[in-house]
Amino acid sequence: MIKTLFDSPSDRTLNVLCLGAHCDDIEIGCGGTLLELRRQREKVNLKWVVFSSDAERQSESVAAASEILKSDVVTSFHSFRDGYFPAEYGELKKKFESLKTAFDPDVIFTHYQHDYHQDHRVISEITSSTFRSHLILEYEIPKYDGDLGNPSVFVPLTKETSMKKARIVVEANQSQREKHWFTEDTFLSLMRLRGVQCGAVDGYAEAFYNRKQCLSLKHI
């Protein structure tokens, strides 16, 4: 398995932008990776943006973000109508352009471009068209639609981190507990499968899709 590193010193603040269509998407898609970043990097500046939320879901998302980072997290919530993002494309694009002028991320976590949920696809498309010179990692969301693919970027996780992520996702998002798939076992199962694919030492990983990446040879 070929390893790559963030092109920045470990003691420099890493600017991370997390984008989610809905309030539980970010912690489901990359919560384990964020936990590992917090453990391995001295300084992480995280901006957490959700595009469809209400008061109850917003409080759940803030709780998840706060427990993952254990520090101040800049959160931003919008109230675009759930399920109607294609019809809101123009207004969403304006939000992205405003975000681009206010924050320059080292890495962006967003939705997978071939996710079957229309809101997820729109966020992914606008991310890539707005942040054209940034490292973008597209996360996956397990759900009823059955749209899981074959990602090529993996972040190995410890068993402890994986279990903590699954617990945070379920405990923070109480409003989603009635969904038949919204269980710790679901999230652990996917991380276990991705851990097998990348040969993770502890057997767990999160996986991402990357459309474009520039390989620097000077550090090899």
N, C-alpha and C. Protein backbone atom coordinates (compact mmCIF):
# COMPACT_ATOMS: atom_id res chain seq x y z
N MET A 1 0.85 -1.19 0.00
CA MET A 1 0.00 0.00 0.00
C MET A 1 0.89 1.25 0.00
N ILE A 2 0.73 2.13 -0.99
CA ILE A 2 1.52 3.35 -1.10
C ILE A 2 0.98 4.40 -0.14
N LYS A 3 1.89 5.03 0.63
CA LYS A 3 1.48 6.04 1.61
C LYS A 3 1.82 7.44 1.10
N THR A 4 0.93 8.39 1.38
CA THR A 4 1.19 9.79 1.08
C THR A 4 0.96 10.60 2.35
N LEU A 5 1.56 11.78 2.40
CA LEU A 5 1.49 12.63 3.59
C LEU A 5 0.97 14.01 3.21
N PHE A 6 0.34 14.71 4.18
CA PHE A 6 -0.01 16.09 3.97
C PHE A 6 1.27 16.89 3.76
N ASP A 7 1.27 17.76 2.76
CA ASP A 7 2.46 18.54 2.43
C ASP A 7 2.54 19.78 3.34
N SER A 8 2.68 19.55 4.63
CA SER A 8 2.82 20.64 5.59
C SER A 8 3.44 20.08 6.86
N PRO A 9 4.26 20.87 7.56
CA PRO A 9 4.88 20.40 8.81
C PRO A 9 3.82 20.03 9.84
N SER A 10 4.12 19.03 10.65
CA SER A 10 3.14 18.55 11.64
C SER A 10 2.83 19.59 12.71
N ASP A 11 3.73 20.57 12.89
CA ASP A 11 3.48 21.58 13.92
C ASP A 11 2.76 22.81 13.36
N ARG A 12 2.48 22.82 12.04
CA ARG A 12 1.74 23.93 11.46
C ARG A 12 0.25 23.65 11.54
N THR A 13 -0.53 24.69 11.72
CA THR A 13 -1.98 24.52 11.78
C THR A 13 -2.50 23.99 10.45
N LEU A 14 -3.25 22.91 10.51
CA LEU A 14 -3.85 22.31 9.32
C LEU A 14 -5.29 22.82 9.21
N ASN A 15 -5.59 23.50 8.12
CA ASN A 15 -6.94 24.02 7.89
C ASN A 15 -7.79 22.96 7.20
N VAL A 16 -8.88 22.58 7.86
CA VAL A 16 -9.73 21.50 7.37
C VAL A 16 -11.15 22.03 7.17
N LEU A 17 -11.69 21.80 5.99
CA LEU A 17 -13.06 22.20 5.69
C LEU A 17 -13.91 20.95 5.51
N CYS A 18 -14.95 20.83 6.32
CA CYS A 18 -15.86 19.69 6.25
C CYS A 18 -17.22 20.17 5.76
N LEU A 19 -17.73 19.56 4.71
CA LEU A 19 -18.99 19.97 4.11
C LEU A 19 -19.97 18.81 4.15
N GLY A 20 -21.17 19.08 4.63
CA GLY A 20 -22.20 18.05 4.70
C GLY A 20 -23.54 18.59 4.28
N ALA A 21 -24.28 17.82 3.52
CA ALA A 21 -25.62 18.25 3.13
C ALA A 21 -26.55 18.28 4.33
N HIS A 22 -26.39 17.29 5.22
CA HIS A 22 -27.27 17.15 6.38
C HIS A 22 -26.44 17.04 7.67
N CYS A 23 -27.11 17.12 8.78
CA CYS A 23 -26.42 17.30 10.05
C CYS A 23 -25.60 16.11 10.53
N ASP A 24 -25.85 14.92 10.04
CA ASP A 24 -25.05 13.77 10.50
C ASP A 24 -24.03 13.31 9.46
N ASP A 25 -23.99 13.96 8.31
CA ASP A 25 -23.16 13.47 7.21
C ASP A 25 -21.66 13.52 7.51
N ILE A 26 -21.20 14.61 8.09
CA ILE A 26 -19.76 14.78 8.29
C ILE A 26 -19.21 13.75 9.26
N GLU A 27 -19.88 13.59 10.41
CA GLU A 27 -19.35 12.63 11.38
C GLU A 27 -19.43 11.19 10.88
N ILE A 28 -20.47 10.88 10.07
CA ILE A 28 -20.55 9.55 9.47
C ILE A 28 -19.44 9.36 8.45
N GLY A 29 -19.25 10.36 7.59
CA GLY A 29 -18.33 10.21 6.48
C GLY A 29 -16.86 10.26 6.85
N CYS A 30 -16.49 11.13 7.81
CA CYS A 30 -15.06 11.30 8.10
C CYS A 30 -14.78 11.51 9.58
N GLY A 31 -15.69 11.13 10.44
CA GLY A 31 -15.50 11.32 11.87
C GLY A 31 -14.26 10.63 12.42
N GLY A 32 -13.97 9.44 11.94
CA GLY A 32 -12.79 8.72 12.40
C GLY A 32 -11.50 9.40 11.97
N THR A 33 -11.48 9.89 10.75
CA THR A 33 -10.31 10.61 10.24
C THR A 33 -10.07 11.89 11.04
N LEU A 34 -11.14 12.59 11.37
CA LEU A 34 -11.01 13.82 12.16
C LEU A 34 -10.48 13.50 13.56
N LEU A 35 -10.93 12.40 14.13
CA LEU A 35 -10.42 11.98 15.44
C LEU A 35 -8.93 11.69 15.36
N GLU A 36 -8.50 11.03 14.28
CA GLU A 36 -7.08 10.73 14.11
C GLU A 36 -6.27 12.01 13.90
N LEU A 37 -6.81 12.95 13.14
CA LEU A 37 -6.12 14.22 12.94
C LEU A 37 -5.91 14.93 14.28
N ARG A 38 -6.95 14.92 15.10
CA ARG A 38 -6.84 15.56 16.42
C ARG A 38 -5.77 14.89 17.26
N ARG A 39 -5.63 13.57 17.12
CA ARG A 39 -4.66 12.83 17.92
C ARG A 39 -3.24 13.02 17.41
N GLN A 40 -3.07 13.13 16.09
CA GLN A 40 -1.74 13.12 15.51
C GLN A 40 -1.18 14.50 15.18
N ARG A 41 -2.05 15.48 15.01
CA ARG A 41 -1.58 16.83 14.67
C ARG A 41 -1.69 17.75 15.87
N GLU A 42 -0.70 18.62 16.03
CA GLU A 42 -0.71 19.56 17.15
C GLU A 42 -1.81 20.60 17.01
N LYS A 43 -2.03 21.06 15.78
CA LYS A 43 -2.99 22.14 15.56
C LYS A 43 -3.87 21.82 14.35
N VAL A 44 -5.17 21.80 14.60
CA VAL A 44 -6.14 21.60 13.53
C VAL A 44 -7.19 22.70 13.61
N ASN A 45 -7.35 23.44 12.53
CA ASN A 45 -8.36 24.48 12.45
C ASN A 45 -9.49 23.96 11.58
N LEU A 46 -10.61 23.61 12.20
CA LEU A 46 -11.69 22.93 11.50
C LEU A 46 -12.89 23.83 11.31
N LYS A 47 -13.36 23.89 10.07
CA LYS A 47 -14.60 24.58 9.76
C LYS A 47 -15.62 23.54 9.32
N TRP A 48 -16.76 23.52 9.99
CA TRP A 48 -17.78 22.47 9.84
C TRP A 48 -19.03 23.13 9.28
N VAL A 49 -19.40 22.81 8.01
CA VAL A 49 -20.51 23.49 7.34
C VAL A 49 -21.58 22.48 6.94
N VAL A 50 -22.81 22.75 7.36
CA VAL A 50 -23.96 21.90 7.04
C VAL A 50 -24.99 22.75 6.30
N PHE A 51 -25.57 22.21 5.25
CA PHE A 51 -26.42 23.02 4.37
C PHE A 51 -27.92 22.83 4.58
N SER A 52 -28.32 21.79 5.28
CA SER A 52 -29.74 21.60 5.59
C SER A 52 -29.87 21.23 7.06
N SER A 53 -30.50 22.09 7.84
CA SER A 53 -30.59 21.83 9.28
C SER A 53 -31.79 22.53 9.87
N ASP A 54 -32.19 22.05 11.05
CA ASP A 54 -33.16 22.74 11.88
C ASP A 54 -32.56 22.84 13.28
N ALA A 55 -33.29 23.42 14.21
CA ALA A 55 -32.71 23.67 15.53
C ALA A 55 -32.27 22.38 16.22
N GLU A 56 -33.11 21.33 16.17
CA GLU A 56 -32.77 20.07 16.84
C GLU A 56 -31.56 19.42 16.21
N ARG A 57 -31.55 19.31 14.88
CA ARG A 57 -30.44 18.66 14.21
C ARG A 57 -29.17 19.47 14.36
N GLN A 58 -29.29 20.78 14.38
CA GLN A 58 -28.10 21.63 14.54
C GLN A 58 -27.42 21.38 15.88
N SER A 59 -28.21 21.26 16.93
CA SER A 59 -27.63 21.02 18.26
C SER A 59 -26.94 19.66 18.30
N GLU A 60 -27.49 18.67 17.58
CA GLU A 60 -26.87 17.36 17.52
C GLU A 60 -25.52 17.43 16.80
N SER A 61 -25.49 18.16 15.70
CA SER A 61 -24.26 18.28 14.92
C SER A 61 -23.17 19.01 15.70
N VAL A 62 -23.55 20.05 16.41
CA VAL A 62 -22.59 20.78 17.24
C VAL A 62 -22.02 19.87 18.31
N ALA A 63 -22.87 19.04 18.91
CA ALA A 63 -22.41 18.11 19.94
C ALA A 63 -21.41 17.11 19.37
N ALA A 64 -21.69 16.60 18.18
CA ALA A 64 -20.78 15.64 17.55
C ALA A 64 -19.45 16.30 17.21
N ALA A 65 -19.49 17.50 16.63
CA ALA A 65 -18.27 18.21 16.26
C ALA A 65 -17.42 18.51 17.48
N SER A 66 -18.08 18.93 18.55
CA SER A 66 -17.35 19.30 19.75
C SER A 66 -16.68 18.09 20.39
N GLU A 67 -17.36 16.94 20.38
CA GLU A 67 -16.76 15.76 20.99
C GLU A 67 -15.63 15.20 20.13
N ILE A 68 -15.76 15.31 18.82
CA ILE A 68 -14.71 14.81 17.94
C ILE A 68 -13.42 15.62 18.10
N LEU A 69 -13.54 16.94 18.12
CA LEU A 69 -12.34 17.78 18.16
C LEU A 69 -11.90 18.13 19.58
N LYS A 70 -12.82 18.10 20.55
CA LYS A 70 -12.49 18.47 21.94
C LYS A 70 -11.89 19.87 22.00
N SER A 71 -12.32 20.73 21.12
CA SER A 71 -11.83 22.10 21.10
C SER A 71 -12.85 22.94 20.35
N ASP A 72 -12.59 24.23 20.26
CA ASP A 72 -13.51 25.10 19.55
C ASP A 72 -13.55 24.72 18.07
N VAL A 73 -14.75 24.57 17.56
CA VAL A 73 -14.95 24.25 16.16
C VAL A 73 -15.83 25.34 15.55
N VAL A 74 -15.42 25.87 14.42
CA VAL A 74 -16.23 26.87 13.75
C VAL A 74 -17.32 26.14 12.95
N THR A 75 -18.55 26.27 13.39
CA THR A 75 -19.66 25.60 12.73
C THR A 75 -20.54 26.62 12.01
N SER A 76 -21.08 26.19 10.90
CA SER A 76 -21.96 27.05 10.11
C SER A 76 -23.11 26.21 9.59
N PHE A 77 -24.34 26.70 9.77
CA PHE A 77 -25.51 25.93 9.37
C PHE A 77 -26.42 26.76 8.47
N HIS A 78 -26.95 26.09 7.44
CA HIS A 78 -27.88 26.73 6.52
C HIS A 78 -29.19 25.94 6.51
N SER A 79 -30.21 26.51 5.95
CA SER A 79 -31.54 25.90 6.01
C SER A 79 -32.11 25.60 4.63
N PHE A 80 -31.26 25.11 3.73
CA PHE A 80 -31.77 24.70 2.43
C PHE A 80 -32.69 23.49 2.61
N ARG A 81 -33.69 23.39 1.78
CA ARG A 81 -34.73 22.36 1.94
C ARG A 81 -34.19 20.98 1.63
N ASP A 82 -34.35 20.08 2.57
CA ASP A 82 -33.89 18.71 2.42
C ASP A 82 -34.55 18.06 1.21
N GLY A 83 -33.73 17.49 0.34
CA GLY A 83 -34.24 16.79 -0.84
C GLY A 83 -34.43 17.65 -2.06
N TYR A 84 -34.19 18.96 -1.94
CA TYR A 84 -34.44 19.88 -3.05
C TYR A 84 -33.19 20.66 -3.47
N PHE A 85 -32.01 20.14 -3.18
CA PHE A 85 -30.79 20.88 -3.49
C PHE A 85 -30.62 21.18 -4.99
N PRO A 86 -31.00 20.27 -5.89
CA PRO A 86 -30.86 20.60 -7.32
C PRO A 86 -31.61 21.87 -7.70
N ALA A 87 -32.77 22.09 -7.09
CA ALA A 87 -33.54 23.29 -7.38
C ALA A 87 -32.95 24.53 -6.72
N GLU A 88 -32.06 24.34 -5.75
CA GLU A 88 -31.44 25.45 -5.02
C GLU A 88 -29.99 25.69 -5.46
N TYR A 89 -29.64 25.16 -6.64
CA TYR A 89 -28.24 25.15 -7.06
C TYR A 89 -27.61 26.54 -7.05
N GLY A 90 -28.30 27.51 -7.59
CA GLY A 90 -27.74 28.85 -7.69
C GLY A 90 -27.43 29.46 -6.34
N GLU A 91 -28.36 29.34 -5.39
CA GLU A 91 -28.15 29.89 -4.05
C GLU A 91 -27.05 29.13 -3.31
N LEU A 92 -26.99 27.83 -3.51
CA LEU A 92 -25.93 27.04 -2.89
C LEU A 92 -24.56 27.46 -3.42
N LYS A 93 -24.49 27.69 -4.71
CA LYS A 93 -23.22 28.11 -5.32
C LYS A 93 -22.77 29.45 -4.72
N LYS A 94 -23.69 30.35 -4.45
CA LYS A 94 -23.34 31.63 -3.83
C LYS A 94 -22.73 31.41 -2.45
N LYS A 95 -23.28 30.47 -1.69
CA LYS A 95 -22.73 30.17 -0.36
C LYS A 95 -21.30 29.65 -0.47
N PHE A 96 -21.07 28.81 -1.46
CA PHE A 96 -19.73 28.26 -1.66
C PHE A 96 -18.74 29.34 -2.04
N GLU A 97 -19.14 30.23 -2.91
CA GLU A 97 -18.23 31.29 -3.33
C GLU A 97 -17.88 32.20 -2.16
N SER A 98 -18.85 32.45 -1.31
CA SER A 98 -18.60 33.25 -0.12
C SER A 98 -17.65 32.52 0.83
N LEU A 99 -17.83 31.22 0.96
CA LEU A 99 -16.99 30.41 1.82
C LEU A 99 -15.55 30.39 1.31
N LYS A 100 -15.38 30.34 0.00
CA LYS A 100 -14.04 30.28 -0.58
C LYS A 100 -13.23 31.53 -0.27
N THR A 101 -13.88 32.68 -0.22
CA THR A 101 -13.15 33.92 0.08
C THR A 101 -12.83 34.06 1.56
N ALA A 102 -13.52 33.30 2.40
CA ALA A 102 -13.34 33.45 3.85
C ALA A 102 -12.42 32.40 4.46
N PHE A 103 -12.17 31.29 3.75
CA PHE A 103 -11.42 30.19 4.36
C PHE A 103 -10.62 29.47 3.29
N ASP A 104 -9.33 29.26 3.53
CA ASP A 104 -8.45 28.58 2.58
C ASP A 104 -8.01 27.24 3.18
N PRO A 105 -8.69 26.16 2.84
CA PRO A 105 -8.39 24.87 3.48
C PRO A 105 -7.21 24.14 2.85
N ASP A 106 -6.54 23.35 3.67
CA ASP A 106 -5.50 22.43 3.18
C ASP A 106 -6.14 21.17 2.62
N VAL A 107 -7.25 20.78 3.20
CA VAL A 107 -7.97 19.59 2.75
C VAL A 107 -9.46 19.82 2.96
N ILE A 108 -10.25 19.29 2.04
CA ILE A 108 -11.71 19.42 2.10
C ILE A 108 -12.32 18.02 2.12
N PHE A 109 -13.22 17.80 3.04
CA PHE A 109 -14.00 16.56 3.09
C PHE A 109 -15.42 16.89 2.64
N THR A 110 -15.89 16.15 1.64
CA THR A 110 -17.22 16.41 1.10
C THR A 110 -17.84 15.10 0.63
N HIS A 111 -19.01 15.18 0.04
CA HIS A 111 -19.73 13.98 -0.40
C HIS A 111 -19.13 13.37 -1.66
N TYR A 112 -19.39 12.09 -1.84
CA TYR A 112 -18.97 11.32 -3.01
C TYR A 112 -19.78 11.76 -4.23
N GLN A 113 -19.11 11.96 -5.35
CA GLN A 113 -19.77 12.50 -6.54
C GLN A 113 -20.85 11.57 -7.11
N HIS A 114 -20.79 10.27 -6.83
CA HIS A 114 -21.79 9.34 -7.36
C HIS A 114 -22.75 8.84 -6.29
N ASP A 115 -22.85 9.57 -5.20
CA ASP A 115 -23.83 9.23 -4.16
C ASP A 115 -25.24 9.33 -4.77
N TYR A 116 -26.11 8.38 -4.44
CA TYR A 116 -27.45 8.36 -5.03
C TYR A 116 -28.37 9.45 -4.46
N HIS A 117 -28.03 10.02 -3.32
CA HIS A 117 -28.86 11.09 -2.75
C HIS A 117 -28.57 12.38 -3.51
N GLN A 118 -29.62 12.99 -4.05
CA GLN A 118 -29.44 14.16 -4.90
C GLN A 118 -28.78 15.33 -4.17
N ASP A 119 -29.08 15.51 -2.89
CA ASP A 119 -28.46 16.60 -2.13
C ASP A 119 -26.96 16.38 -2.00
N HIS A 120 -26.57 15.14 -1.74
CA HIS A 120 -25.15 14.81 -1.60
C HIS A 120 -24.40 15.09 -2.90
N ARG A 121 -25.00 14.67 -4.02
CA ARG A 121 -24.33 14.87 -5.32
C ARG A 121 -24.13 16.34 -5.63
N VAL A 122 -25.13 17.16 -5.31
CA VAL A 122 -25.02 18.59 -5.60
C VAL A 122 -23.89 19.22 -4.78
N ILE A 123 -23.80 18.87 -3.50
CA ILE A 123 -22.73 19.41 -2.66
C ILE A 123 -21.37 18.99 -3.20
N SER A 124 -21.25 17.74 -3.62
CA SER A 124 -19.99 17.26 -4.19
C SER A 124 -19.63 18.02 -5.46
N GLU A 125 -20.60 18.21 -6.33
CA GLU A 125 -20.35 18.89 -7.61
C GLU A 125 -19.92 20.34 -7.39
N ILE A 126 -20.62 21.05 -6.50
CA ILE A 126 -20.28 22.45 -6.27
C ILE A 126 -18.93 22.56 -5.56
N THR A 127 -18.60 21.60 -4.72
CA THR A 127 -17.29 21.61 -4.05
C THR A 127 -16.17 21.58 -5.08
N SER A 128 -16.25 20.65 -6.02
CA SER A 128 -15.18 20.50 -7.00
C SER A 128 -15.12 21.65 -7.98
N SER A 129 -16.25 22.30 -8.26
CA SER A 129 -16.24 23.42 -9.19
C SER A 129 -15.83 24.72 -8.52
N THR A 130 -15.91 24.79 -7.20
CA THR A 130 -15.55 26.00 -6.46
C THR A 130 -14.09 25.96 -6.01
N PHE A 131 -13.69 24.84 -5.40
CA PHE A 131 -12.33 24.69 -4.89
C PHE A 131 -11.52 23.86 -5.90
N ARG A 132 -11.06 24.51 -6.94
CA ARG A 132 -10.46 23.82 -8.08
C ARG A 132 -8.99 23.47 -7.88
N SER A 133 -8.35 24.06 -6.88
CA SER A 133 -6.91 23.82 -6.65
C SER A 133 -6.65 23.28 -5.25
N HIS A 134 -7.60 22.55 -4.71
CA HIS A 134 -7.48 22.04 -3.35
C HIS A 134 -7.56 20.52 -3.33
N LEU A 135 -7.01 19.94 -2.27
CA LEU A 135 -7.15 18.51 -2.05
C LEU A 135 -8.56 18.24 -1.54
N ILE A 136 -9.33 17.49 -2.31
CA ILE A 136 -10.71 17.16 -1.95
C ILE A 136 -10.84 15.66 -1.77
N LEU A 137 -11.28 15.24 -0.60
CA LEU A 137 -11.53 13.84 -0.32
C LEU A 137 -13.03 13.64 -0.13
N GLU A 138 -13.60 12.78 -0.96
CA GLU A 138 -15.05 12.55 -0.96
C GLU A 138 -15.38 11.33 -0.10
N TYR A 139 -16.17 11.54 0.92
CA TYR A 139 -16.51 10.46 1.84
C TYR A 139 -17.77 9.71 1.41
N GLU A 140 -18.00 8.59 2.07
CA GLU A 140 -19.14 7.73 1.73
C GLU A 140 -20.10 7.64 2.91
N ILE A 141 -21.39 7.48 2.58
CA ILE A 141 -22.45 7.36 3.58
C ILE A 141 -23.18 6.04 3.35
N PRO A 142 -23.11 5.09 4.29
CA PRO A 142 -23.87 3.85 4.11
C PRO A 142 -25.36 4.13 4.30
N LYS A 143 -26.19 3.58 3.42
CA LYS A 143 -27.63 3.82 3.52
C LYS A 143 -28.39 2.82 2.65
N TYR A 144 -29.69 2.95 2.66
CA TYR A 144 -30.59 2.00 1.99
C TYR A 144 -30.36 1.94 0.48
N ASP A 145 -29.90 3.05 -0.12
CA ASP A 145 -29.79 3.15 -1.57
C ASP A 145 -28.80 2.15 -2.17
N GLY A 146 -27.82 1.71 -1.39
CA GLY A 146 -26.87 0.73 -1.92
C GLY A 146 -25.94 1.32 -2.96
N ASP A 147 -25.33 2.48 -2.65
CA ASP A 147 -24.49 3.15 -3.63
C ASP A 147 -23.00 3.12 -3.27
N LEU A 148 -22.60 2.22 -2.40
CA LEU A 148 -21.19 2.14 -2.04
C LEU A 148 -20.36 1.70 -3.24
N GLY A 149 -19.22 2.35 -3.43
CA GLY A 149 -18.36 2.04 -4.56
C GLY A 149 -17.04 1.43 -4.13
N ASN A 150 -15.99 1.73 -4.90
CA ASN A 150 -14.67 1.17 -4.64
C ASN A 150 -13.67 2.31 -4.48
N PRO A 151 -13.60 2.91 -3.29
CA PRO A 151 -12.71 4.05 -3.07
C PRO A 151 -11.24 3.64 -3.13
N SER A 152 -10.38 4.64 -3.31
CA SER A 152 -8.95 4.34 -3.48
C SER A 152 -8.06 5.04 -2.47
N VAL A 153 -8.63 5.88 -1.61
CA VAL A 153 -7.86 6.57 -0.58
C VAL A 153 -8.34 6.08 0.78
N PHE A 154 -7.39 5.63 1.62
CA PHE A 154 -7.77 5.04 2.90
C PHE A 154 -7.02 5.71 4.05
N VAL A 155 -7.72 5.87 5.15
CA VAL A 155 -7.11 6.36 6.38
C VAL A 155 -7.25 5.26 7.43
N PRO A 156 -6.17 4.53 7.74
CA PRO A 156 -6.25 3.48 8.76
C PRO A 156 -6.61 4.08 10.12
N LEU A 157 -7.45 3.38 10.87
CA LEU A 157 -7.89 3.83 12.18
C LEU A 157 -7.60 2.76 13.21
N THR A 158 -7.36 3.17 14.44
CA THR A 158 -7.25 2.20 15.52
C THR A 158 -8.65 1.68 15.84
N LYS A 159 -8.71 0.55 16.48
CA LYS A 159 -10.00 0.00 16.89
C LYS A 159 -10.68 0.96 17.86
N GLU A 160 -9.90 1.55 18.75
CA GLU A 160 -10.45 2.49 19.72
C GLU A 160 -11.09 3.70 19.03
N THR A 161 -10.38 4.24 18.03
CA THR A 161 -10.92 5.39 17.30
C THR A 161 -12.19 5.01 16.56
N SER A 162 -12.20 3.84 15.95
CA SER A 162 -13.37 3.39 15.19
C SER A 162 -14.59 3.23 16.09
N MET A 163 -14.40 2.63 17.24
CA MET A 163 -15.51 2.44 18.17
C MET A 163 -15.99 3.78 18.72
N LYS A 164 -15.05 4.69 18.94
CA LYS A 164 -15.42 6.01 19.44
C LYS A 164 -16.23 6.77 18.40
N LYS A 165 -15.80 6.70 17.15
CA LYS A 165 -16.55 7.36 16.08
C LYS A 165 -17.98 6.83 16.02
N ALA A 166 -18.13 5.51 16.00
CA ALA A 166 -19.46 4.91 15.90
C ALA A 166 -20.34 5.34 17.08
N ARG A 167 -19.75 5.39 18.26
CA ARG A 167 -20.51 5.80 19.44
C ARG A 167 -20.96 7.25 19.33
N ILE A 168 -20.04 8.14 18.92
CA ILE A 168 -20.37 9.56 18.80
C ILE A 168 -21.50 9.77 17.80
N VAL A 169 -21.40 9.12 16.65
CA VAL A 169 -22.43 9.29 15.61
C VAL A 169 -23.80 8.92 16.14
N VAL A 170 -23.91 7.79 16.81
CA VAL A 170 -25.21 7.32 17.27
C VAL A 170 -25.71 8.12 18.47
N GLU A 171 -24.83 8.38 19.42
CA GLU A 171 -25.25 9.09 20.63
C GLU A 171 -25.61 10.55 20.34
N ALA A 172 -24.88 11.19 19.45
CA ALA A 172 -25.12 12.61 19.17
C ALA A 172 -26.40 12.82 18.38
N ASN A 173 -26.71 11.89 17.49
CA ASN A 173 -27.84 12.06 16.58
C ASN A 173 -29.06 11.25 17.03
N GLN A 174 -29.59 11.63 18.18
CA GLN A 174 -30.73 10.91 18.76
C GLN A 174 -31.96 10.93 17.85
N SER A 175 -32.12 11.99 17.07
CA SER A 175 -33.29 12.10 16.21
C SER A 175 -33.28 11.07 15.07
N GLN A 176 -32.14 10.43 14.84
CA GLN A 176 -32.02 9.48 13.73
C GLN A 176 -32.08 8.02 14.19
N ARG A 177 -32.23 7.80 15.48
CA ARG A 177 -32.11 6.45 16.03
C ARG A 177 -33.18 5.48 15.50
N GLU A 178 -34.31 5.99 15.02
CA GLU A 178 -35.37 5.11 14.54
C GLU A 178 -35.09 4.53 13.16
N LYS A 179 -34.12 5.07 12.44
CA LYS A 179 -33.76 4.52 11.14
C LYS A 179 -33.15 3.14 11.32
N HIS A 180 -33.58 2.19 10.52
CA HIS A 180 -33.17 0.80 10.75
C HIS A 180 -31.67 0.59 10.58
N TRP A 181 -31.01 1.45 9.83
CA TRP A 181 -29.59 1.27 9.56
C TRP A 181 -28.70 2.11 10.48
N PHE A 182 -29.30 2.98 11.27
CA PHE A 182 -28.51 3.94 12.04
C PHE A 182 -28.07 3.31 13.37
N THR A 183 -27.07 2.42 13.29
CA THR A 183 -26.57 1.72 14.47
C THR A 183 -25.04 1.72 14.45
N GLU A 184 -24.46 1.52 15.62
CA GLU A 184 -23.00 1.46 15.70
C GLU A 184 -22.46 0.32 14.85
N ASP A 185 -23.18 -0.80 14.79
CA ASP A 185 -22.72 -1.94 14.00
C ASP A 185 -22.58 -1.59 12.53
N THR A 186 -23.50 -0.79 12.00
CA THR A 186 -23.44 -0.39 10.60
C THR A 186 -22.14 0.35 10.31
N PHE A 187 -21.84 1.33 11.13
CA PHE A 187 -20.65 2.16 10.89
C PHE A 187 -19.37 1.38 11.13
N LEU A 188 -19.37 0.53 12.14
CA LEU A 188 -18.18 -0.30 12.39
C LEU A 188 -17.96 -1.30 11.26
N SER A 189 -19.04 -1.83 10.71
CA SER A 189 -18.92 -2.81 9.63
C SER A 189 -18.25 -2.21 8.40
N LEU A 190 -18.66 -0.98 8.04
CA LEU A 190 -18.06 -0.34 6.89
C LEU A 190 -16.58 -0.03 7.14
N MET A 191 -16.26 0.45 8.33
CA MET A 191 -14.86 0.73 8.65
C MET A 191 -14.03 -0.56 8.66
N ARG A 192 -14.63 -1.65 9.10
CA ARG A 192 -13.93 -2.93 9.10
C ARG A 192 -13.64 -3.39 7.67
N LEU A 193 -14.63 -3.25 6.78
CA LEU A 193 -14.44 -3.62 5.38
C LEU A 193 -13.33 -2.80 4.74
N ARG A 194 -13.34 -1.49 4.97
CA ARG A 194 -12.30 -0.64 4.39
C ARG A 194 -10.94 -0.94 5.02
N GLY A 195 -10.93 -1.35 6.27
CA GLY A 195 -9.69 -1.75 6.90
C GLY A 195 -9.09 -2.98 6.25
N VAL A 196 -9.94 -3.92 5.86
CA VAL A 196 -9.48 -5.12 5.15
C VAL A 196 -8.87 -4.72 3.81
N GLN A 197 -9.52 -3.80 3.11
CA GLN A 197 -9.06 -3.41 1.79
C GLN A 197 -7.67 -2.77 1.80
N CYS A 198 -7.36 -2.02 2.87
CA CYS A 198 -6.07 -1.32 2.89
C CYS A 198 -5.05 -2.00 3.81
N GLY A 199 -5.42 -3.13 4.39
CA GLY A 199 -4.49 -3.85 5.25
C GLY A 199 -4.16 -3.09 6.52
N ALA A 200 -5.14 -2.39 7.09
CA ALA A 200 -4.91 -1.60 8.30
C ALA A 200 -4.46 -2.49 9.45
N VAL A 201 -3.53 -2.01 10.23
CA VAL A 201 -2.95 -2.80 11.32
C VAL A 201 -4.03 -3.26 12.29
N ASP A 202 -4.91 -2.35 12.69
CA ASP A 202 -5.98 -2.69 13.63
C ASP A 202 -7.23 -3.20 12.92
N GLY A 203 -7.21 -3.22 11.58
CA GLY A 203 -8.33 -3.78 10.83
C GLY A 203 -9.45 -2.82 10.52
N TYR A 204 -9.27 -1.52 10.77
CA TYR A 204 -10.33 -0.54 10.52
C TYR A 204 -9.78 0.63 9.73
N ALA A 205 -10.64 1.26 8.93
CA ALA A 205 -10.24 2.43 8.15
C ALA A 205 -11.47 3.17 7.65
N GLU A 206 -11.28 4.42 7.31
CA GLU A 206 -12.26 5.16 6.53
C GLU A 206 -11.70 5.31 5.12
N ALA A 207 -12.60 5.40 4.14
CA ALA A 207 -12.16 5.44 2.75
C ALA A 207 -12.78 6.64 2.04
N PHE A 208 -12.04 7.13 1.03
CA PHE A 208 -12.44 8.34 0.32
C PHE A 208 -12.16 8.19 -1.17
N TYR A 209 -12.83 9.04 -1.94
CA TYR A 209 -12.60 9.14 -3.38
C TYR A 209 -11.87 10.45 -3.64
N ASN A 210 -10.91 10.40 -4.56
CA ASN A 210 -10.12 11.58 -4.90
C ASN A 210 -10.08 11.73 -6.42
N ARG A 211 -10.67 12.79 -6.95
CA ARG A 211 -10.74 12.98 -8.40
C ARG A 211 -9.40 13.40 -8.99
N LYS A 212 -8.64 14.19 -8.25
CA LYS A 212 -7.40 14.72 -8.80
C LYS A 212 -6.40 14.98 -7.67
N GLN A 213 -5.15 14.59 -7.89
CA GLN A 213 -4.12 14.81 -6.88
C GLN A 213 -2.77 14.99 -7.56
N CYS A 214 -2.01 15.97 -7.11
CA CYS A 214 -0.67 16.23 -7.65
C CYS A 214 0.37 15.57 -6.74
N LEU A 215 1.18 14.70 -7.29
CA LEU A 215 2.19 13.98 -6.52
C LEU A 215 3.50 14.74 -6.60
N SER A 216 4.01 15.18 -5.43
CA SER A 216 5.30 15.84 -5.37
C SER A 216 6.39 14.82 -5.14
N LEU A 217 7.44 14.84 -5.96
CA LEU A 217 8.50 13.85 -5.87
C LEU A 217 9.64 14.28 -4.96
N LYS A 218 9.67 15.51 -4.51
CA LYS A 218 10.82 16.01 -3.77
C LYS A 218 10.98 15.38 -2.40
N HIS A 219 9.90 14.81 -1.83
CA HIS A 219 9.98 14.22 -0.50
C HIS A 219 10.19 12.71 -0.56
N ILE A 220 10.26 12.14 -1.77
CA ILE A 220 10.38 10.69 -1.90
C ILE A 220 11.85 10.27 -1.90
